[in-house]
Amino acid sequence: MIKQHISTQMIPERDEPALYINPRSEQIAAFAEEAVTVEDQPKVRLHADSDEIKDALSSFLTASKIAELIHREQLSLRTLTKPVQNTIFTTKSETVGSSHRS
């Protein structure tokens, strides 16, 4: 299944953390836009390329939404240490992936 961005509806309602690996800056921004409206969202660990994170954070609105999610302890943000080919979103019960096309 290929998604333009991950919907917060895909995140289970239980306390199960999710892992979001290698999203593009547009996907990070879309995720933050939607996730900031959900108060009781489980924690998401987002790992992305440093350039993609910088690009997403260049927008003040996106940066403030990401800061709010981090403050609520609903999001942790890390840079990837090795290149990854695809974008992956996974929980214990579901995995969604999409390939990056240049």
Protein backbone atom coordinates (compact mmCIF):
# COMPACT_ATOMS: atom_id res chain seq x y z
CA MET A 1 0.00 0.00 0.00
CA ILE A 2 1.50 3.36 -1.00
CA LYS A 3 0.56 6.46 0.98
CA GLN A 4 1.43 10.10 0.33
CA HIS A 5 1.57 10.56 4.08
CA ILE A 6 0.72 8.55 7.14
CA SER A 7 -2.67 9.26 8.64
CA THR A 8 -2.92 9.44 12.41
CA GLN A 9 -5.96 7.15 12.04
CA MET A 10 -3.48 4.37 11.24
CA ILE A 11 -1.93 4.68 14.70
CA PRO A 12 -3.55 2.23 17.12
CA GLU A 13 -5.51 3.77 19.99
CA ARG A 14 -3.70 1.69 22.57
CA ASP A 15 -0.41 2.70 24.11
CA GLU A 16 1.59 0.96 21.38
CA PRO A 17 4.39 3.16 20.00
CA ALA A 18 4.79 3.57 16.25
CA LEU A 19 7.98 3.86 14.22
CA TYR A 20 8.04 6.15 11.16
CA ILE A 21 11.23 5.67 9.13
CA ASN A 22 12.58 7.80 6.29
CA PRO A 23 9.67 10.12 5.50
CA ARG A 24 10.25 13.00 3.12
CA SER A 25 9.89 16.57 4.41
CA GLU A 26 6.37 16.86 2.96
CA GLN A 27 5.36 13.68 4.77
CA ILE A 28 6.84 14.96 8.04
CA ALA A 29 4.90 18.22 7.67
CA ALA A 30 1.63 16.44 6.80
CA PHE A 31 2.06 14.08 9.74
CA ALA A 32 2.71 16.96 12.17
CA GLU A 33 -0.29 18.88 10.81
CA GLU A 34 -2.61 15.98 11.53
CA ALA A 35 -0.99 14.60 14.69
CA VAL A 36 -1.01 17.89 16.58
CA THR A 37 -4.84 17.79 16.60
CA VAL A 38 -4.90 14.39 18.39
CA GLU A 39 -4.43 14.81 22.15
CA ASP A 40 -4.07 11.18 23.26
CA GLN A 41 -2.00 9.83 20.39
CA PRO A 42 0.54 7.14 21.26
CA LYS A 43 4.19 8.04 20.88
CA VAL A 44 5.69 8.04 17.38
CA ARG A 45 9.43 7.64 16.90
CA LEU A 46 10.33 9.38 13.66
CA HIS A 47 13.72 8.66 12.05
CA ALA A 48 14.54 10.67 8.91
CA ASP A 49 17.40 12.01 6.84
CA SER A 50 18.79 15.20 8.40
CA ASP A 51 18.13 17.21 5.22
CA GLU A 52 14.48 16.13 5.19
CA ILE A 53 14.10 17.14 8.86
CA LYS A 54 15.77 20.51 8.21
CA ASP A 55 13.50 21.12 5.23
CA ALA A 56 10.38 20.29 7.26
CA LEU A 57 11.54 22.51 10.13
CA SER A 58 12.17 25.45 7.79
CA SER A 59 8.45 26.22 7.97
CA PHE A 60 7.67 28.00 11.24
CA LEU A 61 4.20 26.44 11.43
CA THR A 62 5.49 22.91 10.92
CA ALA A 63 8.35 23.49 13.37
CA SER A 64 5.93 24.74 16.03
CA LYS A 65 3.65 21.71 15.55
CA ILE A 66 6.60 19.34 15.82
CA ALA A 67 7.79 21.18 18.94
CA GLU A 68 4.31 20.79 20.47
CA LEU A 69 4.28 17.04 19.74
CA ILE A 70 7.74 16.65 21.27
CA HIS A 71 6.66 18.68 24.31
CA ARG A 72 3.62 16.38 24.75
CA GLU A 73 6.00 13.41 24.47
CA GLN A 74 3.99 12.14 21.50
CA LEU A 75 6.92 12.42 19.08
CA SER A 76 10.63 11.77 19.20
CA LEU A 77 12.72 12.90 16.28
CA ARG A 78 16.03 11.32 15.26
CA THR A 79 18.27 11.44 12.21
CA LEU A 80 19.08 8.31 10.28
CA THR A 81 22.67 7.11 10.54
CA LYS A 82 22.49 4.97 7.39
CA PRO A 83 20.68 5.50 4.07
CA VAL A 84 17.25 3.89 3.79
CA GLN A 85 15.54 3.18 0.44
CA ASN A 86 11.86 3.30 1.43
CA THR A 87 9.50 5.03 3.81
CA ILE A 88 8.15 2.68 6.46
CA PHE A 89 5.50 3.16 9.12
CA THR A 90 5.15 0.29 11.55
CA THR A 91 3.44 -0.76 14.76
CA LYS A 92 3.16 -4.20 16.35
CA SER A 93 0.00 -4.85 14.33
CA GLU A 94 0.57 -3.09 10.99
CA THR A 95 3.31 -2.04 8.58
CA VAL A 96 2.91 0.34 5.67
CA GLY A 97 5.67 1.08 3.20
CA SER A 98 6.22 3.15 0.10
CA SER A 99 9.15 3.42 -2.23
CA HIS A 100 10.89 6.69 -3.02
CA ARG A 101 10.99 7.51 -6.69
CA SER A 102 13.31 10.15 -8.01
